[in-house]
Protein backbone atom coordinates (compact mmCIF):
# COMPACT_ATOMS: atom_id res chain seq x y z
CA MET A 1 -51.54 24.53 36.05
CA LYS A 2 -49.83 27.83 35.16
CA ASP A 3 -47.49 27.42 38.14
CA LEU A 4 -46.60 23.88 36.96
CA ASN A 5 -45.78 25.15 33.49
CA LYS A 6 -43.70 27.94 35.01
CA TYR A 7 -41.66 25.53 37.14
CA THR A 8 -41.25 23.17 34.18
CA THR A 9 -39.91 26.00 32.02
CA ILE A 10 -37.45 27.07 34.74
CA LEU A 11 -36.28 23.48 35.23
CA CYS A 12 -35.73 22.94 31.48
CA THR A 13 -33.83 26.22 31.25
CA MET A 14 -31.53 25.20 34.11
CA VAL A 15 -30.85 21.80 32.51
CA LEU A 16 -30.01 23.43 29.17
CA LEU A 17 -27.65 25.88 30.88
CA LEU A 18 -25.90 23.03 32.67
CA ILE A 19 -25.52 21.09 29.41
CA ALA A 20 -24.23 24.16 27.58
CA ASP A 21 -21.80 24.91 30.40
CA LYS A 22 -20.54 21.34 30.31
CA ALA A 23 -20.13 21.42 26.52
CA PHE A 24 -18.23 24.69 26.74
CA ALA A 25 -16.01 23.38 29.51
CA SER A 26 -15.15 20.25 27.47
CA THR A 27 -13.15 22.28 24.93
CA LEU A 28 -9.81 23.87 25.76
CA LYS A 29 -8.72 26.43 23.19
CA VAL A 30 -5.10 27.08 22.28
CA CYS A 31 -4.10 30.35 20.59
CA SER A 32 -1.86 33.35 21.16
CA THR A 33 -4.59 35.19 23.12
CA CYS A 34 -6.28 32.19 24.78
CA ASN A 35 -5.88 30.93 28.33
CA TYR A 36 -3.63 28.26 26.84
CA THR A 37 -0.91 29.37 24.46
CA SER A 38 0.87 25.98 24.44
CA VAL A 39 -0.48 22.71 23.09
CA LYS A 40 1.48 20.77 25.70
CA GLU A 41 -0.04 22.84 28.53
CA ALA A 42 -3.58 22.36 27.22
CA VAL A 43 -3.12 18.60 26.81
CA LYS A 44 -1.77 18.35 30.34
CA ALA A 45 -4.68 20.36 31.78
CA ALA A 46 -7.43 18.60 29.83
CA LYS A 47 -9.59 15.94 31.44
CA SER A 48 -10.53 12.61 29.90
CA GLY A 49 -12.99 12.99 27.05
CA GLU A 50 -12.28 16.68 26.47
CA THR A 51 -11.20 18.40 23.26
CA VAL A 52 -8.10 20.51 22.77
CA LEU A 53 -8.94 22.94 19.96
CA ILE A 54 -5.83 24.46 18.39
CA GLU A 55 -6.41 27.66 16.45
CA ASN A 56 -4.40 28.75 13.43
CA GLY A 57 -0.80 29.66 14.19
CA VAL A 58 2.67 28.20 14.53
CA TYR A 59 3.47 26.34 17.76
CA GLN A 60 7.10 25.40 18.25
CA GLU A 61 6.69 22.35 20.45
CA TYR A 62 7.76 18.72 20.81
CA GLY A 63 7.49 15.99 23.43
CA ILE A 64 3.69 16.26 23.76
CA GLU A 65 2.41 13.18 25.65
CA ILE A 66 -1.27 12.27 25.52
CA ASP A 67 -2.03 9.98 28.46
CA LYS A 68 -5.84 10.25 28.57
CA PRO A 69 -8.67 9.93 26.02
CA LEU A 70 -8.69 13.29 24.18
CA THR A 71 -9.53 14.84 20.84
CA ILE A 72 -6.75 17.05 19.49
CA LEU A 73 -8.39 19.16 16.81
CA GLY A 74 -6.84 21.79 14.57
CA ARG A 75 -8.88 24.65 13.18
CA ASN A 76 -7.62 26.47 10.07
CA ARG A 77 -4.59 24.17 9.88
CA PRO A 78 -2.33 25.14 12.82
CA VAL A 79 1.35 24.15 12.53
CA ILE A 80 3.21 22.16 15.18
CA ASP A 81 6.92 22.67 14.48
CA GLY A 82 9.27 20.29 16.30
CA ASN A 83 12.37 22.28 15.27
CA TYR A 84 14.29 18.98 14.86
CA LYS A 85 14.40 18.51 18.65
CA GLY A 86 12.50 15.22 19.02
CA GLN A 87 9.23 13.35 18.69
CA ILE A 88 6.16 15.59 18.65
CA PHE A 89 3.10 13.56 19.74
CA THR A 90 3.32 10.37 21.82
CA VAL A 91 -0.05 8.72 22.43
CA LYS A 92 -0.17 6.65 25.62
CA ALA A 93 -3.94 6.36 25.96
CA SER A 94 -6.74 4.70 24.04
CA ASN A 95 -9.66 6.52 22.39
CA VAL A 96 -7.57 9.46 21.16
CA THR A 97 -8.19 11.46 17.96
CA ILE A 98 -5.62 13.74 16.30
CA GLU A 99 -7.07 15.67 13.39
CA GLY A 100 -6.49 18.70 11.19
CA LEU A 101 -2.88 19.57 12.10
CA THR A 102 0.27 20.33 10.14
CA ILE A 103 3.18 18.64 11.92
CA LYS A 104 6.74 19.13 10.74
CA ASN A 105 10.49 19.01 11.27
CA ILE A 106 11.80 15.93 13.05
CA ALA A 107 15.48 15.09 12.77
CA THR A 108 16.88 11.76 11.66
CA SER A 109 17.82 9.66 14.67
CA TYR A 110 19.93 6.51 14.61
CA ARG A 111 19.13 5.67 18.26
CA GLN A 112 15.33 5.89 18.25
CA ASP A 113 12.56 6.06 15.69
CA ASP A 114 11.21 9.56 16.32
CA ALA A 115 7.88 10.25 14.62
CA ALA A 116 5.40 13.05 14.16
CA ILE A 117 2.77 10.87 15.86
CA ARG A 118 3.63 7.69 17.76
CA VAL A 119 1.02 5.43 19.35
CA VAL A 120 2.29 3.01 22.00
CA GLU A 121 0.27 -0.06 23.06
CA GLN A 122 -3.20 1.50 22.80
CA SER A 123 -6.45 0.97 20.88
CA ASN A 124 -9.12 2.96 19.05
CA VAL A 125 -6.79 5.79 18.08
CA ARG A 126 -7.75 7.87 15.03
CA ILE A 127 -5.24 9.93 13.07
CA LEU A 128 -7.19 11.94 10.52
CA ASN A 129 -6.56 14.57 7.85
CA ASN A 130 -3.16 15.77 9.02
CA ILE A 131 -0.26 17.09 6.94
CA ILE A 132 3.10 15.74 8.07
CA LEU A 133 6.22 17.28 6.55
CA ASN A 134 9.94 16.63 6.76
CA THR A 135 9.93 14.02 9.52
CA PHE A 136 11.97 10.88 10.16
CA PHE A 137 8.96 8.58 10.68
CA GLY A 138 5.57 10.07 9.95
CA ILE A 139 2.96 7.97 11.78
CA TYR A 140 4.21 5.07 13.92
CA LEU A 141 1.87 2.58 15.62
CA GLN A 142 3.24 -0.20 17.84
CA ASN A 143 1.21 -2.90 19.61
CA SER A 144 -1.96 -0.92 18.96
CA ASP A 145 -5.25 -2.38 17.72
CA ASN A 146 -8.40 -1.05 16.07
CA CYS A 147 -6.75 2.18 14.89
CA VAL A 148 -7.61 4.34 11.88
CA VAL A 149 -5.06 6.30 9.81
CA LYS A 150 -7.07 8.20 7.21
CA GLY A 151 -6.75 11.19 4.92
CA ASN A 152 -3.21 12.19 5.90
CA VAL A 153 -0.49 13.64 3.67
CA VAL A 154 2.96 12.47 4.76
CA LYS A 155 5.72 14.05 2.69
CA GLY A 156 9.41 13.55 3.32
CA GLN A 157 12.30 14.63 1.12
CA ASP A 158 13.81 13.95 -2.27
CA VAL A 159 15.26 10.45 -1.83
CA THR A 160 17.70 10.67 -4.76
CA GLY A 161 21.10 9.55 -3.56
CA LYS A 162 19.87 8.91 -0.02
CA ASN A 163 20.82 5.93 2.13
CA GLU A 164 18.10 3.66 3.55
CA SER A 165 19.39 4.04 7.11
CA GLY A 166 18.86 7.79 6.98
CA LEU A 167 15.16 7.52 6.18
CA GLY A 168 12.18 6.31 8.18
CA ASN A 169 8.79 5.13 6.93
CA ALA A 170 5.82 7.38 6.25
CA ILE A 171 3.26 5.08 7.92
CA HIS A 172 4.69 2.30 10.09
CA LEU A 173 2.72 -0.39 11.94
CA TRP A 174 4.26 -3.06 14.15
CA TYR A 175 2.19 -5.76 15.88
CA CYS A 176 -1.13 -4.06 15.16
CA ASP A 177 -4.42 -5.80 14.34
CA ASN A 178 -7.68 -4.58 12.81
CA ALA A 179 -6.19 -1.35 11.46
CA VAL A 180 -7.63 0.74 8.64
CA ILE A 181 -5.17 2.76 6.53
CA SER A 182 -7.07 4.69 3.88
CA ASN A 183 -6.99 7.76 1.63
CA ASN A 184 -3.45 8.76 2.59
CA LYS A 185 -0.81 10.29 0.29
CA VAL A 186 2.76 9.39 1.20
CA GLN A 187 6.12 10.07 -0.45
CA GLY A 188 9.79 10.73 0.17
CA HIS A 189 10.51 8.04 2.78
CA ARG A 190 12.23 4.67 2.94
CA ASP A 191 8.92 2.78 2.65
CA GLY A 192 5.64 4.54 2.05
CA ILE A 193 3.63 2.10 4.18
CA TYR A 194 5.31 -0.57 6.30
CA LEU A 195 3.47 -3.38 8.13
CA GLU A 196 5.08 -6.08 10.25
CA PHE A 197 3.04 -8.61 12.24
CA VAL A 198 -0.17 -6.78 11.27
CA LYS A 199 -3.27 -8.92 10.86
CA ASP A 200 -6.92 -8.58 9.83
CA SER A 201 -6.39 -5.04 8.53
CA GLU A 202 -7.33 -3.02 5.47
CA VAL A 203 -5.17 -0.77 3.29
CA LYS A 204 -7.24 1.08 0.69
CA ASN A 205 -7.34 4.16 -1.54
CA ASN A 206 -3.79 5.27 -0.73
CA LEU A 207 -1.23 6.91 -3.04
CA SER A 208 2.36 5.93 -2.30
CA GLU A 209 5.02 7.37 -4.61
CA LYS A 210 8.66 8.45 -4.87
CA ASN A 211 9.86 6.42 -1.92
CA LEU A 212 13.40 5.08 -1.81
CA ARG A 213 12.58 1.41 -1.30
CA TYR A 214 8.95 0.23 -1.43
CA GLY A 215 5.59 1.91 -1.83
CA LEU A 216 4.19 -0.77 0.49
CA HIS A 217 6.20 -3.34 2.43
CA PHE A 218 4.67 -5.98 4.65
CA MET A 219 5.93 -9.13 6.34
CA PHE A 220 4.32 -11.74 8.61
CA SER A 221 0.99 -9.98 8.09
CA ASP A 222 -1.86 -12.42 7.41
CA ARG A 223 -5.49 -11.98 6.42
CA ASN A 224 -5.17 -8.39 5.20
CA VAL A 225 -6.96 -6.68 2.32
CA TYR A 226 -5.30 -4.20 -0.06
CA THR A 227 -7.60 -2.45 -2.53
CA HIS A 228 -7.66 0.61 -4.83
CA ASN A 229 -4.15 1.79 -3.98
CA ILE A 230 -1.63 3.39 -6.38
CA PHE A 231 2.08 2.59 -6.08
CA ARG A 232 4.22 4.51 -8.55
CA ARG A 233 7.77 5.74 -9.09
CA ASN A 234 9.12 3.93 -6.03
CA GLY A 235 12.35 1.96 -5.82
CA ALA A 236 9.93 -0.97 -6.04
CA GLY A 237 6.15 -1.00 -5.82
CA VAL A 238 5.14 -3.54 -3.17
CA ALA A 239 7.04 -6.26 -1.30
CA VAL A 240 5.10 -9.07 0.37
CA MET A 241 7.03 -11.57 2.47
CA TYR A 242 6.22 -14.56 4.70
CA THR A 243 2.48 -13.96 4.61
CA ARG A 244 -0.71 -15.87 3.80
CA ASP A 245 -4.41 -15.30 3.18
CA ILE A 246 -4.25 -11.83 1.65
CA ARG A 247 -6.41 -10.18 -0.96
CA MET A 248 -5.04 -7.59 -3.39
CA GLU A 249 -7.56 -6.07 -5.80
CA TYR A 250 -7.90 -2.98 -7.99
CA ASN A 251 -4.42 -1.66 -7.24
CA THR A 252 -2.15 0.10 -9.74
CA PHE A 253 1.59 -0.62 -9.88
CA ASP A 254 3.07 1.99 -12.17
CA ASN A 255 6.53 3.18 -13.24
CA ASN A 256 8.59 1.31 -10.67
CA TRP A 257 11.86 1.14 -12.59
CA GLY A 258 15.37 0.08 -11.58
CA ALA A 259 17.83 -2.79 -11.66
CA ALA A 260 16.06 -4.49 -8.74
CA ALA A 261 12.60 -2.93 -9.14
CA TYR A 262 9.29 -4.77 -9.14
CA GLY A 263 5.69 -3.79 -9.32
CA LEU A 264 4.97 -6.60 -6.85
CA LEU A 265 7.50 -8.84 -5.11
CA LEU A 266 6.07 -12.05 -3.62
CA LYS A 267 8.32 -14.14 -1.39
CA ASP A 268 6.97 -17.09 0.59
CA ILE A 269 3.32 -16.14 0.07
CA SER A 270 0.48 -18.65 0.07
CA ASN A 271 -3.30 -19.01 -0.19
CA SER A 272 -3.87 -15.50 -1.51
CA MET A 273 -5.80 -13.68 -4.21
CA ILE A 274 -4.37 -11.11 -6.65
CA ARG A 275 -7.12 -9.85 -8.95
CA ASN A 276 -8.11 -6.88 -11.09
CA ASN A 277 -4.80 -5.05 -10.68
CA THR A 278 -2.86 -3.05 -13.27
CA PHE A 279 0.90 -3.53 -13.70
CA ARG A 280 2.18 -0.86 -16.04
CA ARG A 281 5.74 0.20 -16.99
CA ASN A 282 7.60 -1.69 -14.26
CA THR A 283 10.94 -3.40 -14.63
CA THR A 284 9.11 -6.55 -13.47
CA GLY A 285 5.34 -6.67 -13.01
CA ILE A 286 5.29 -9.58 -10.53
CA TYR A 287 8.37 -11.36 -9.18
CA MET A 288 7.47 -14.63 -7.45
CA GLU A 289 9.69 -16.78 -5.25
CA SER A 290 8.58 -19.76 -3.10
CA SER A 291 4.94 -18.71 -3.42
CA SER A 292 2.15 -21.23 -3.67
CA ARG A 293 -1.60 -21.53 -4.13
CA LEU A 294 -2.06 -18.00 -5.45
CA ASP A 295 -5.11 -17.04 -7.49
CA ILE A 296 -3.88 -14.48 -10.05
CA GLN A 297 -6.75 -13.44 -12.31
CA HIS A 298 -8.11 -10.50 -14.32
CA ASN A 299 -4.93 -8.43 -14.13
CA GLU A 300 -3.49 -6.08 -16.76
CA PHE A 301 0.22 -6.39 -17.60
CA GLU A 302 1.21 -3.52 -19.88
CA GLN A 303 4.61 -2.33 -21.12
CA ASN A 304 6.69 -4.00 -18.42
CA GLY A 305 10.18 -5.34 -18.89
CA TRP A 306 9.07 -8.71 -17.49
CA ALA A 307 5.37 -9.15 -16.88
CA ILE A 308 5.95 -12.16 -14.59
CA ARG A 309 9.18 -13.69 -13.31
CA LEU A 310 8.12 -17.03 -11.91
CA LEU A 311 10.87 -18.94 -10.12
CA SER A 312 10.79 -22.73 -10.11
CA SER A 313 10.22 -22.75 -6.33
CA CYS A 314 6.60 -21.60 -6.92
CA THR A 315 3.87 -24.25 -7.05
CA ASP A 316 0.11 -24.54 -7.54
CA ASP A 317 -0.35 -20.95 -8.67
CA VAL A 318 -3.15 -20.23 -11.14
CA PHE A 319 -3.03 -17.52 -13.84
CA ARG A 320 -6.35 -16.95 -15.65
CA TYR A 321 -8.00 -14.17 -17.66
CA ASN A 322 -4.99 -11.85 -17.50
CA ASN A 323 -4.04 -9.51 -20.36
CA PHE A 324 -0.40 -9.38 -21.48
CA VAL A 325 0.23 -6.41 -23.79
CA GLY A 326 3.45 -4.71 -24.86
CA ASN A 327 5.79 -6.47 -22.41
CA SER A 328 9.37 -7.26 -23.39
CA PHE A 329 8.99 -10.69 -21.74
CA ASP A 330 5.58 -12.05 -20.78
CA VAL A 331 6.85 -14.85 -18.52
CA SER A 332 10.33 -15.82 -17.41
CA THR A 333 11.49 -18.68 -15.21
CA ASN A 334 14.77 -20.16 -13.99
CA GLY A 335 13.81 -23.83 -14.21
CA ASN A 336 12.99 -26.48 -16.79
CA SER A 337 9.63 -27.40 -15.33
CA THR A 338 6.77 -25.68 -13.59
CA LEU A 339 3.91 -26.82 -11.39
CA ASN A 340 1.62 -23.86 -12.08
CA LEU A 341 -1.37 -23.35 -14.36
CA PHE A 342 -1.74 -20.78 -17.15
CA GLU A 343 -5.13 -20.81 -18.83
CA ASN A 344 -7.42 -18.46 -20.76
CA ASN A 345 -5.05 -15.51 -20.77
CA TYR A 346 -4.70 -12.97 -23.60
CA TRP A 347 -1.19 -12.71 -25.10
CA ASP A 348 -0.54 -10.02 -27.68
CA LYS A 349 2.36 -12.11 -29.05
CA TYR A 350 0.10 -15.09 -29.75
CA SER A 351 -0.13 -15.76 -33.50
CA GLY A 352 -2.45 -18.76 -33.45
CA TYR A 353 -5.90 -19.14 -35.03
CA ASP A 354 -9.49 -19.79 -33.97
CA LEU A 355 -11.27 -21.88 -36.62
CA ASP A 356 -14.33 -22.65 -34.51
CA LYS A 357 -14.80 -18.98 -33.53
CA ASP A 358 -15.17 -19.67 -29.81
CA GLN A 359 -12.71 -16.83 -28.98
CA VAL A 360 -10.17 -19.37 -27.71
CA GLY A 361 -7.04 -20.17 -29.74
CA ASP A 362 -6.93 -23.63 -31.30
CA VAL A 363 -3.20 -24.10 -30.62
CA PRO A 364 -1.46 -23.64 -27.27
CA TYR A 365 0.79 -20.69 -26.48
CA ARG A 366 4.17 -20.95 -24.77
CA PRO A 367 4.83 -17.59 -23.05
CA VAL A 368 8.44 -18.38 -22.08
CA SER A 369 10.92 -17.61 -24.83
CA LEU A 370 14.37 -19.12 -25.22
CA TYR A 371 15.85 -15.65 -25.03
CA SER A 372 14.10 -14.90 -21.72
CA MET A 373 15.71 -18.01 -20.21
CA LEU A 374 19.08 -16.91 -21.55
CA VAL A 375 18.66 -13.48 -19.94
CA GLU A 376 17.63 -15.17 -16.68
CA ARG A 377 20.93 -17.05 -16.63
CA VAL A 378 23.15 -14.41 -18.27
CA PRO A 379 21.67 -10.97 -17.47
CA SER A 380 24.17 -9.11 -19.66
CA SER A 381 22.68 -10.80 -22.74
CA VAL A 382 19.78 -8.36 -22.52
CA MET A 383 21.84 -6.09 -24.79
CA PHE A 384 20.88 -8.32 -27.75
CA MET A 385 17.16 -7.68 -27.31
CA ARG A 386 15.24 -7.18 -30.57
CA SER A 387 18.13 -8.40 -32.68
CA PHE A 388 17.53 -10.68 -35.68
CA MET A 389 19.43 -13.55 -34.05
CA VAL A 390 17.19 -13.48 -30.97
CA ASP A 391 14.03 -13.56 -33.08
CA MET A 392 15.38 -16.49 -35.06
CA LEU A 393 16.28 -18.49 -31.93
CA ASP A 394 12.85 -17.89 -30.42
CA ASN A 395 11.07 -18.98 -33.60
CA ILE A 396 13.13 -22.17 -33.81
CA GLU A 397 12.36 -22.93 -30.18
CA LYS A 398 8.62 -22.52 -30.80
CA VAL A 399 8.76 -25.13 -33.56
CA LEU A 400 11.10 -27.55 -31.77
CA PRO A 401 10.90 -26.78 -28.03
CA SER A 402 13.81 -28.28 -26.15
CA PHE A 403 15.07 -25.70 -23.65
CA ILE A 404 11.92 -23.92 -22.49
CA PRO A 405 9.70 -25.67 -19.91
CA GLU A 406 7.33 -28.02 -21.72
CA ASP A 407 4.62 -27.72 -19.10
CA LEU A 408 4.59 -23.91 -18.90
CA VAL A 409 1.94 -23.42 -21.55
CA ASP A 410 -1.44 -21.78 -21.95
CA GLU A 411 -3.55 -24.49 -23.59
CA LYS A 412 -6.50 -22.13 -24.10
CA PRO A 413 -5.19 -18.67 -25.00
CA LEU A 414 -7.81 -16.01 -25.63
CA MET A 415 -8.04 -14.41 -29.07
CA LYS A 416 -8.96 -10.95 -27.83
CA LYS A 417 -8.11 -8.80 -24.89
CA THR A 418 -10.44 -9.28 -21.95
CA ASN A 419 -12.55 -6.33 -20.89
CA TYR A 420 -13.18 -7.16 -17.26
CA ASP A 421 -16.39 -5.17 -17.03
CA ASN A 422 -17.97 -6.43 -20.27
CA ASP A 423 -16.60 -9.94 -20.74
CA ARG A 424 -17.91 -11.72 -17.66
CA LYS A 425 -20.16 -13.83 -19.90
CA LEU A 426 -17.14 -14.97 -21.90
CA ALA A 427 -15.40 -16.08 -18.72
CA GLN A 428 -18.48 -18.02 -17.69
CA VAL A 429 -18.69 -19.73 -21.10
CA ILE A 430 -14.99 -20.69 -21.01
CA ARG A 431 -15.39 -22.18 -17.56
């Protein structure tokens, strides 16, 4: 029995040594005194499934191709400096992770879209917790599915006076499905996040600011979810084009100012939900063109130039339980009729009464003013805003409406601002 225990102990010890040896062999270290002093050399030498561990330091490298499943892991934030010579990481294998690196300095190229990290026709790639500085494109995924881009900081340059063609996008996805883009901070690019032909994906908890064009720009990208993001101080907040079946909730569109700036631009969008968002201090909160069957509820519109610019090409859109406070124009349109529904919204300009105390106004509210229609047709007339003549025209139009759309009216305006956390019972009663 003692001999059996002895042999068992020896066998277990040998197995543990083999496992430990295998674990040690699966990590290739890169540092100034290691066997590998170059990231490119270590990646080339590594076998599938192994980890390349990059220690703190500055590595002046570019053109690193990953053609096998690997984990590229930085310890103590090593810096990969491309010295403006070309793309730094090109991923040509699935099941790759790149994490914990600082990657910087990629020159603007008008012939190819060089990026800090580019993934080409792969799947299950994870790009986590990296800092990307002063690059043309930051993270670029093409024809790649089931990828995760999380926790990265992608910072470009001051875009003041820059031309769009000289800037790339911070996070760029093209023909990618089932992606997760979360907890990233992006700024100083053409578009903060750009999606084209991206489906069944999720964009959440990102901060996109100070970009030349859009904080988020997506086209032909159906069935995606956008939640808890902040888009602020961009040329425009978010542009959505030629897309259906999306859900946008709990996002903040803030301080997107300019002659052609919007918090949210919707063009040819259908069958989508826009709920519980905040539109604050934008030139236009939501600009809508040729968009139909949208459910727009429980949103805050505060201190915008135009809260909503609803073109006559939009149909079957529903606006309920939204708060309109401190906007220069609550709603503007370019037509004489509308096929959309406004109901149970709070309007701070509403001066009606509530005799039966059911918290719903007894007289309808018309959110489109005569002056807003004049500005829509003659933009330069905005210089007369807040003049006595404008107030008089709007008051006359309220009494004898003849120019504003008769059917753009909230028949049941709310008497008090909706608190979305505490007033669910009120919404149920009104229904």
